[in-house]
């Protein structure tokens, strides 16, 4: 997955460092993100728009099924 519209590489890495999104690594150390990562990014963005902190968003994301 490339950073996609509206998400910089730095943003993706930041969210990953905060365990809001997750990736696996290839043998060449390239990040691979599951398809549902785009959905999680949208949830993070929506939460921030309504004033939630990243900690609050992380709490809510932890309640979702793993593939959401």
PDB file of N, CA and C in Angstrom:
ATOM      1  N   UNK A   1       0.846  -1.171   0.000  1.00  0.00           N
ATOM      2  CA  UNK A   1       0.000   0.000   0.000  1.00  0.00           C
ATOM      3  C   UNK A   1       0.890   1.232   0.000  1.00  0.00           C
ATOM      4  N   UNK A   2       0.685   2.112  -0.936  1.00  0.00           N
ATOM      5  CA  UNK A   2       1.379   3.390  -0.856  1.00  0.00           C
ATOM      6  C   UNK A   2       0.581   4.273   0.096  1.00  0.00           C
ATOM      7  N   UNK A   3       1.128   5.407   0.432  1.00  0.00           N
ATOM      8  CA  UNK A   3       0.494   6.247   1.449  1.00  0.00           C
ATOM      9  C   UNK A   3      -0.938   6.617   1.066  1.00  0.00           C
ATOM     10  N   UNK A   4      -1.228   6.736  -0.200  1.00  0.00           N
ATOM     11  CA  UNK A   4      -2.592   7.007  -0.640  1.00  0.00           C
ATOM     12  C   UNK A   4      -2.951   8.473  -0.505  1.00  0.00           C
ATOM     13  N   UNK A   5      -4.097   8.842  -1.067  1.00  0.00           N
ATOM     14  CA  UNK A   5      -4.497  10.250  -1.032  1.00  0.00           C
ATOM     15  C   UNK A   5      -4.790  10.695   0.392  1.00  0.00           C
ATOM     16  N   UNK A   6      -4.158  11.794   0.781  1.00  0.00           N
ATOM     17  CA  UNK A   6      -4.418  12.355   2.093  1.00  0.00           C
ATOM     18  C   UNK A   6      -3.567  11.816   3.218  1.00  0.00           C
ATOM     19  N   UNK A   7      -2.741  10.808   2.955  1.00  0.00           N
ATOM     20  CA  UNK A   7      -1.920  10.207   4.004  1.00  0.00           C
ATOM     21  C   UNK A   7      -0.460  10.210   3.572  1.00  0.00           C
ATOM     22  N   UNK A   8       0.354  10.951   4.295  1.00  0.00           N
ATOM     23  CA  UNK A   8       1.777  10.971   3.971  1.00  0.00           C
ATOM     24  C   UNK A   8       2.450   9.720   4.537  1.00  0.00           C
ATOM     25  N   UNK A   9       3.611   9.413   4.017  1.00  0.00           N
ATOM     26  CA  UNK A   9       4.380   8.282   4.526  1.00  0.00           C
ATOM     27  C   UNK A   9       4.681   8.496   6.007  1.00  0.00           C
ATOM     28  N   UNK A  10       4.992   9.731   6.376  1.00  0.00           N
ATOM     29  CA  UNK A  10       5.275  10.037   7.787  1.00  0.00           C
ATOM     30  C   UNK A  10       4.053   9.749   8.663  1.00  0.00           C
ATOM     31  N   UNK A  11       2.862  10.079   8.161  1.00  0.00           N
ATOM     32  CA  UNK A  11       1.631   9.818   8.913  1.00  0.00           C
ATOM     33  C   UNK A  11       1.429   8.325   9.099  1.00  0.00           C
ATOM     34  N   UNK A  12       1.607   7.567   8.024  1.00  0.00           N
ATOM     35  CA  UNK A  12       1.456   6.117   8.093  1.00  0.00           C
ATOM     36  C   UNK A  12       2.431   5.536   9.114  1.00  0.00           C
ATOM     37  N   UNK A  13       3.671   5.949   9.059  1.00  0.00           N
ATOM     38  CA  UNK A  13       4.677   5.445  10.009  1.00  0.00           C
ATOM     39  C   UNK A  13       4.342   5.853  11.439  1.00  0.00           C
ATOM     40  N   UNK A  14       3.854   7.080  11.625  1.00  0.00           N
ATOM     41  CA  UNK A  14       3.480   7.539  12.962  1.00  0.00           C
ATOM     42  C   UNK A  14       2.356   6.685  13.527  1.00  0.00           C
ATOM     43  N   UNK A  15       1.303   6.472  12.748  1.00  0.00           N
ATOM     44  CA  UNK A  15       0.187   5.649  13.218  1.00  0.00           C
ATOM     45  C   UNK A  15       0.638   4.224  13.507  1.00  0.00           C
ATOM     46  N   UNK A  16       1.540   3.715  12.697  1.00  0.00           N
ATOM     47  CA  UNK A  16       2.051   2.369  12.952  1.00  0.00           C
ATOM     48  C   UNK A  16       2.854   2.338  14.253  1.00  0.00           C
ATOM     49  N   UNK A  17       3.637   3.380  14.505  1.00  0.00           N
ATOM     50  CA  UNK A  17       4.432   3.417  15.743  1.00  0.00           C
ATOM     51  C   UNK A  17       3.540   3.507  16.977  1.00  0.00           C
ATOM     52  N   UNK A  18       2.319   4.022  16.814  1.00  0.00           N
ATOM     53  CA  UNK A  18       1.357   4.136  17.913  1.00  0.00           C
ATOM     54  C   UNK A  18       0.405   2.934  17.962  1.00  0.00           C
ATOM     55  N   UNK A  19       0.683   1.908  17.143  1.00  0.00           N
ATOM     56  CA  UNK A  19      -0.120   0.683  17.079  1.00  0.00           C
ATOM     57  C   UNK A  19      -1.573   0.934  16.700  1.00  0.00           C
ATOM     58  N   UNK A  20      -1.795   1.963  15.891  1.00  0.00           N
ATOM     59  CA  UNK A  20      -3.133   2.214  15.371  1.00  0.00           C
ATOM     60  C   UNK A  20      -3.375   1.418  14.089  1.00  0.00           C
ATOM     61  N   UNK A  21      -2.310   1.165  13.345  1.00  0.00           N
ATOM     62  CA  UNK A  21      -2.352   0.304  12.160  1.00  0.00           C
ATOM     63  C   UNK A  21      -1.164  -0.644  12.255  1.00  0.00           C
ATOM     64  N   UNK A  22      -1.232  -1.722  11.497  1.00  0.00           N
ATOM     65  CA  UNK A  22      -0.214  -2.763  11.592  1.00  0.00           C
ATOM     66  C   UNK A  22       0.231  -3.204  10.204  1.00  0.00           C
ATOM     67  N   UNK A  23       1.481  -3.633  10.118  1.00  0.00           N
ATOM     68  CA  UNK A  23       2.004  -4.158   8.861  1.00  0.00           C
ATOM     69  C   UNK A  23       2.862  -5.371   9.137  1.00  0.00           C
ATOM     70  N   UNK A  24       3.135  -6.094   8.078  1.00  0.00           N
ATOM     71  CA  UNK A  24       4.137  -7.153   8.124  1.00  0.00           C
ATOM     72  C   UNK A  24       5.288  -6.705   7.235  1.00  0.00           C
ATOM     73  N   UNK A  25       6.395  -7.375   7.323  1.00  0.00           N
ATOM     74  CA  UNK A  25       7.568  -6.997   6.533  1.00  0.00           C
ATOM     75  C   UNK A  25       7.935  -8.114   5.568  1.00  0.00           C
ATOM     76  N   UNK A  26       8.385  -7.705   4.382  1.00  0.00           N
ATOM     77  CA  UNK A  26       8.888  -8.665   3.410  1.00  0.00           C
ATOM     78  C   UNK A  26      10.338  -8.979   3.752  1.00  0.00           C
ATOM     79  N   UNK A  27      10.910  -9.912   3.034  1.00  0.00           N
ATOM     80  CA  UNK A  27      12.321 -10.232   3.249  1.00  0.00           C
ATOM     81  C   UNK A  27      13.211  -9.035   2.906  1.00  0.00           C
ATOM     82  N   UNK A  28      12.715  -8.135   2.074  1.00  0.00           N
ATOM     83  CA  UNK A  28      13.445  -6.916   1.733  1.00  0.00           C
ATOM     84  C   UNK A  28      13.109  -5.752   2.660  1.00  0.00           C
ATOM     85  N   UNK A  29      12.421  -6.034   3.772  1.00  0.00           N
ATOM     86  CA  UNK A  29      12.053  -5.060   4.802  1.00  0.00           C
ATOM     87  C   UNK A  29      11.023  -4.029   4.323  1.00  0.00           C
ATOM     88  N   UNK A  30      10.255  -4.375   3.309  1.00  0.00           N
ATOM     89  CA  UNK A  30       9.188  -3.502   2.818  1.00  0.00           C
ATOM     90  C   UNK A  30       7.920  -3.766   3.635  1.00  0.00           C
ATOM     91  N   UNK A  31       7.212  -2.710   4.008  1.00  0.00           N
ATOM     92  CA  UNK A  31       5.975  -2.868   4.776  1.00  0.00           C
ATOM     93  C   UNK A  31       4.837  -3.336   3.872  1.00  0.00           C
ATOM     94  N   UNK A  32       4.071  -4.297   4.373  1.00  0.00           N
ATOM     95  CA  UNK A  32       2.855  -4.749   3.699  1.00  0.00           C
ATOM     96  C   UNK A  32       1.692  -4.544   4.652  1.00  0.00           C
ATOM     97  N   UNK A  33       0.673  -3.802   4.188  1.00  0.00           N
ATOM     98  CA  UNK A  33      -0.489  -3.517   5.009  1.00  0.00           C
ATOM     99  C   UNK A  33      -1.687  -4.305   4.497  1.00  0.00           C
ATOM    100  N   UNK A  34      -2.483  -4.852   5.402  1.00  0.00           N
ATOM    101  CA  UNK A  34      -3.717  -5.514   4.966  1.00  0.00           C
ATOM    102  C   UNK A  34      -4.699  -4.491   4.384  1.00  0.00           C
ATOM    103  N   UNK A  35      -5.637  -4.971   3.588  1.00  0.00           N
ATOM    104  CA  UNK A  35      -6.604  -4.087   2.934  1.00  0.00           C
ATOM    105  C   UNK A  35      -7.414  -3.254   3.925  1.00  0.00           C
ATOM    106  N   UNK A  36      -7.710  -3.814   5.079  1.00  0.00           N
ATOM    107  CA  UNK A  36      -8.552  -3.085   6.034  1.00  0.00           C
ATOM    108  C   UNK A  36      -7.838  -1.883   6.654  1.00  0.00           C
ATOM    109  N   UNK A  37      -6.564  -1.706   6.373  1.00  0.00           N
ATOM    110  CA  UNK A  37      -5.828  -0.554   6.896  1.00  0.00           C
ATOM    111  C   UNK A  37      -6.458   0.758   6.415  1.00  0.00           C
ATOM    112  N   UNK A  38      -6.934   0.797   5.187  1.00  0.00           N
ATOM    113  CA  UNK A  38      -7.579   2.012   4.679  1.00  0.00           C
ATOM    114  C   UNK A  38      -8.809   2.365   5.502  1.00  0.00           C
ATOM    115  N   UNK A  39      -9.550   1.364   5.920  1.00  0.00           N
ATOM    116  CA  UNK A  39     -10.730   1.587   6.761  1.00  0.00           C
ATOM    117  C   UNK A  39     -10.299   2.156   8.114  1.00  0.00           C
ATOM    118  N   UNK A  40      -9.232   1.576   8.690  1.00  0.00           N
ATOM    119  CA  UNK A  40      -8.739   2.068   9.980  1.00  0.00           C
ATOM    120  C   UNK A  40      -8.240   3.510   9.847  1.00  0.00           C
ATOM    121  N   UNK A  41      -7.578   3.832   8.747  1.00  0.00           N
ATOM    122  CA  UNK A  41      -7.111   5.205   8.533  1.00  0.00           C
ATOM    123  C   UNK A  41      -8.296   6.173   8.467  1.00  0.00           C
ATOM    124  N   UNK A  42      -9.374   5.754   7.828  1.00  0.00           N
ATOM    125  CA  UNK A  42     -10.570   6.592   7.746  1.00  0.00           C
ATOM    126  C   UNK A  42     -11.182   6.793   9.130  1.00  0.00           C
ATOM    127  N   UNK A  43     -11.188   5.760   9.944  1.00  0.00           N
ATOM    128  CA  UNK A  43     -11.719   5.867  11.307  1.00  0.00           C
ATOM    129  C   UNK A  43     -10.857   6.821  12.135  1.00  0.00           C
ATOM    130  N   UNK A  44      -9.539   6.713  11.993  1.00  0.00           N
ATOM    131  CA  UNK A  44      -8.619   7.605  12.713  1.00  0.00           C
ATOM    132  C   UNK A  44      -8.882   9.056  12.313  1.00  0.00           C
ATOM    133  N   UNK A  45      -8.992   9.303  11.016  1.00  0.00           N
ATOM    134  CA  UNK A  45      -9.228  10.661  10.524  1.00  0.00           C
ATOM    135  C   UNK A  45     -10.565  11.202  11.037  1.00  0.00           C
ATOM    136  N   UNK A  46     -11.607  10.379  11.008  1.00  0.00           N
ATOM    137  CA  UNK A  46     -12.924  10.812  11.489  1.00  0.00           C
ATOM    138  C   UNK A  46     -12.873  11.121  12.982  1.00  0.00           C
ATOM    139  N   UNK A  47     -12.194  10.291  13.734  1.00  0.00           N
ATOM    140  CA  UNK A  47     -12.068  10.529  15.166  1.00  0.00           C
ATOM    141  C   UNK A  47     -11.352  11.833  15.469  1.00  0.00           C
ATOM    142  N   UNK A  48     -10.301  12.105  14.721  1.00  0.00           N
ATOM    143  CA  UNK A  48      -9.572  13.355  14.928  1.00  0.00           C
ATOM    144  C   UNK A  48     -10.433  14.566  14.560  1.00  0.00           C
ATOM    145  N   UNK A  49     -11.242  14.436  13.504  1.00  0.00           N
ATOM    146  CA  UNK A  49     -12.109  15.544  13.097  1.00  0.00           C
ATOM    147  C   UNK A  49     -13.116  15.917  14.182  1.00  0.00           C
ATOM    148  N   UNK A  50     -13.565  14.924  14.957  1.00  0.00           N
ATOM    149  CA  UNK A  50     -14.536  15.218  16.019  1.00  0.00           C
ATOM    150  C   UNK A  50     -13.858  15.488  17.358  1.00  0.00           C
ATOM    151  N   UNK A  51     -12.531  15.564  17.358  1.00  0.00           N
ATOM    152  CA  UNK A  51     -11.817  15.988  18.553  1.00  0.00           C
ATOM    153  C   UNK A  51     -11.319  14.892  19.478  1.00  0.00           C
ATOM    154  N   UNK A  52     -11.372  13.637  19.046  1.00  0.00           N
ATOM    155  CA  UNK A  52     -10.839  12.560  19.881  1.00  0.00           C
ATOM    156  C   UNK A  52      -9.316  12.581  19.863  1.00  0.00           C
ATOM    157  N   UNK A  53      -8.722  12.187  20.957  1.00  0.00           N
ATOM    158  CA  UNK A  53      -7.268  12.048  21.001  1.00  0.00           C
ATOM    159  C   UNK A  53      -6.884  10.715  20.363  1.00  0.00           C
ATOM    160  N   UNK A  54      -5.622  10.570  20.018  1.00  0.00           N
ATOM    161  CA  UNK A  54      -5.172   9.295  19.453  1.00  0.00           C
ATOM    162  C   UNK A  54      -5.328   8.168  20.470  1.00  0.00           C
ATOM    163  N   UNK A  55      -5.167   8.462  21.744  1.00  0.00           N
ATOM    164  CA  UNK A  55      -5.364   7.435  22.775  1.00  0.00           C
ATOM    165  C   UNK A  55      -6.824   6.974  22.793  1.00  0.00           C
ATOM    166  N   UNK A  56      -7.752   7.911  22.671  1.00  0.00           N
ATOM    167  CA  UNK A  56      -9.172   7.553  22.632  1.00  0.00           C
ATOM    168  C   UNK A  56      -9.496   6.750  21.381  1.00  0.00           C
ATOM    169  N   UNK A  57      -8.924   7.150  20.266  1.00  0.00           N
ATOM    170  CA  UNK A  57      -9.137   6.418  19.014  1.00  0.00           C
ATOM    171  C   UNK A  57      -8.568   5.016  19.132  1.00  0.00           C
ATOM    172  N   UNK A  58      -7.376   4.892  19.708  1.00  0.00           N
ATOM    173  CA  UNK A  58      -6.754   3.578  19.888  1.00  0.00           C
ATOM    174  C   UNK A  58      -7.625   2.670  20.751  1.00  0.00           C
ATOM    175  N   UNK A  59      -8.222   3.234  21.809  1.00  0.00           N
ATOM    176  CA  UNK A  59      -9.123   2.448  22.660  1.00  0.00           C
ATOM    177  C   UNK A  59     -10.304   1.914  21.865  1.00  0.00           C
ATOM    178  N   UNK A  60     -10.873   2.769  21.029  1.00  0.00           N
ATOM    179  CA  UNK A  60     -12.016   2.349  20.218  1.00  0.00           C
ATOM    180  C   UNK A  60     -11.607   1.321  19.160  1.00  0.00           C
ATOM    181  N   UNK A  61     -10.466   1.531  18.522  1.00  0.00           N
ATOM    182  CA  UNK A  61      -9.999   0.576  17.515  1.00  0.00           C
ATOM    183  C   UNK A  61      -9.711  -0.787  18.127  1.00  0.00           C
ATOM    184  N   UNK A  62      -9.279  -0.806  19.379  1.00  0.00           N
ATOM    185  CA  UNK A  62      -8.965  -2.086  20.033  1.00  0.00           C
ATOM    186  C   UNK A  62     -10.214  -2.935  20.245  1.00  0.00           C
ATOM    187  N   UNK A  63     -11.392  -2.302  20.196  1.00  0.00           N
ATOM    188  CA  UNK A  63     -12.650  -3.028  20.366  1.00  0.00           C
ATOM    189  C   UNK A  63     -13.137  -3.679  19.066  1.00  0.00           C
ATOM    190  N   UNK A  64     -12.550  -3.282  17.953  1.00  0.00           N
ATOM    191  CA  UNK A  64     -12.983  -3.815  16.644  1.00  0.00           C
ATOM    192  C   UNK A  64     -12.361  -5.173  16.387  1.00  0.00           C
ATOM    193  N   UNK A  65     -13.006  -5.982  15.547  1.00  0.00           N
ATOM    194  CA  UNK A  65     -12.391  -7.246  15.141  1.00  0.00           C
ATOM    195  C   UNK A  65     -11.041  -6.978  14.469  1.00  0.00           C
ATOM    196  N   UNK A  66     -10.142  -7.941  14.539  1.00  0.00           N
ATOM    197  CA  UNK A  66      -8.790  -7.761  14.028  1.00  0.00           C
ATOM    198  C   UNK A  66      -8.756  -7.339  12.568  1.00  0.00           C
ATOM    199  N   UNK A  67      -9.649  -7.840  11.748  1.00  0.00           N
ATOM    200  CA  UNK A  67      -9.627  -7.525  10.316  1.00  0.00           C
ATOM    201  C   UNK A  67     -10.483  -6.311   9.978  1.00  0.00           C
ATOM    202  N   UNK A  68     -10.691  -5.417  10.910  1.00  0.00           N
ATOM    203  CA  UNK A  68     -11.509  -4.239  10.628  1.00  0.00           C
ATOM    204  C   UNK A  68     -10.652  -3.001  10.609  1.00  0.00           C
TER     205      UNK A  68
END
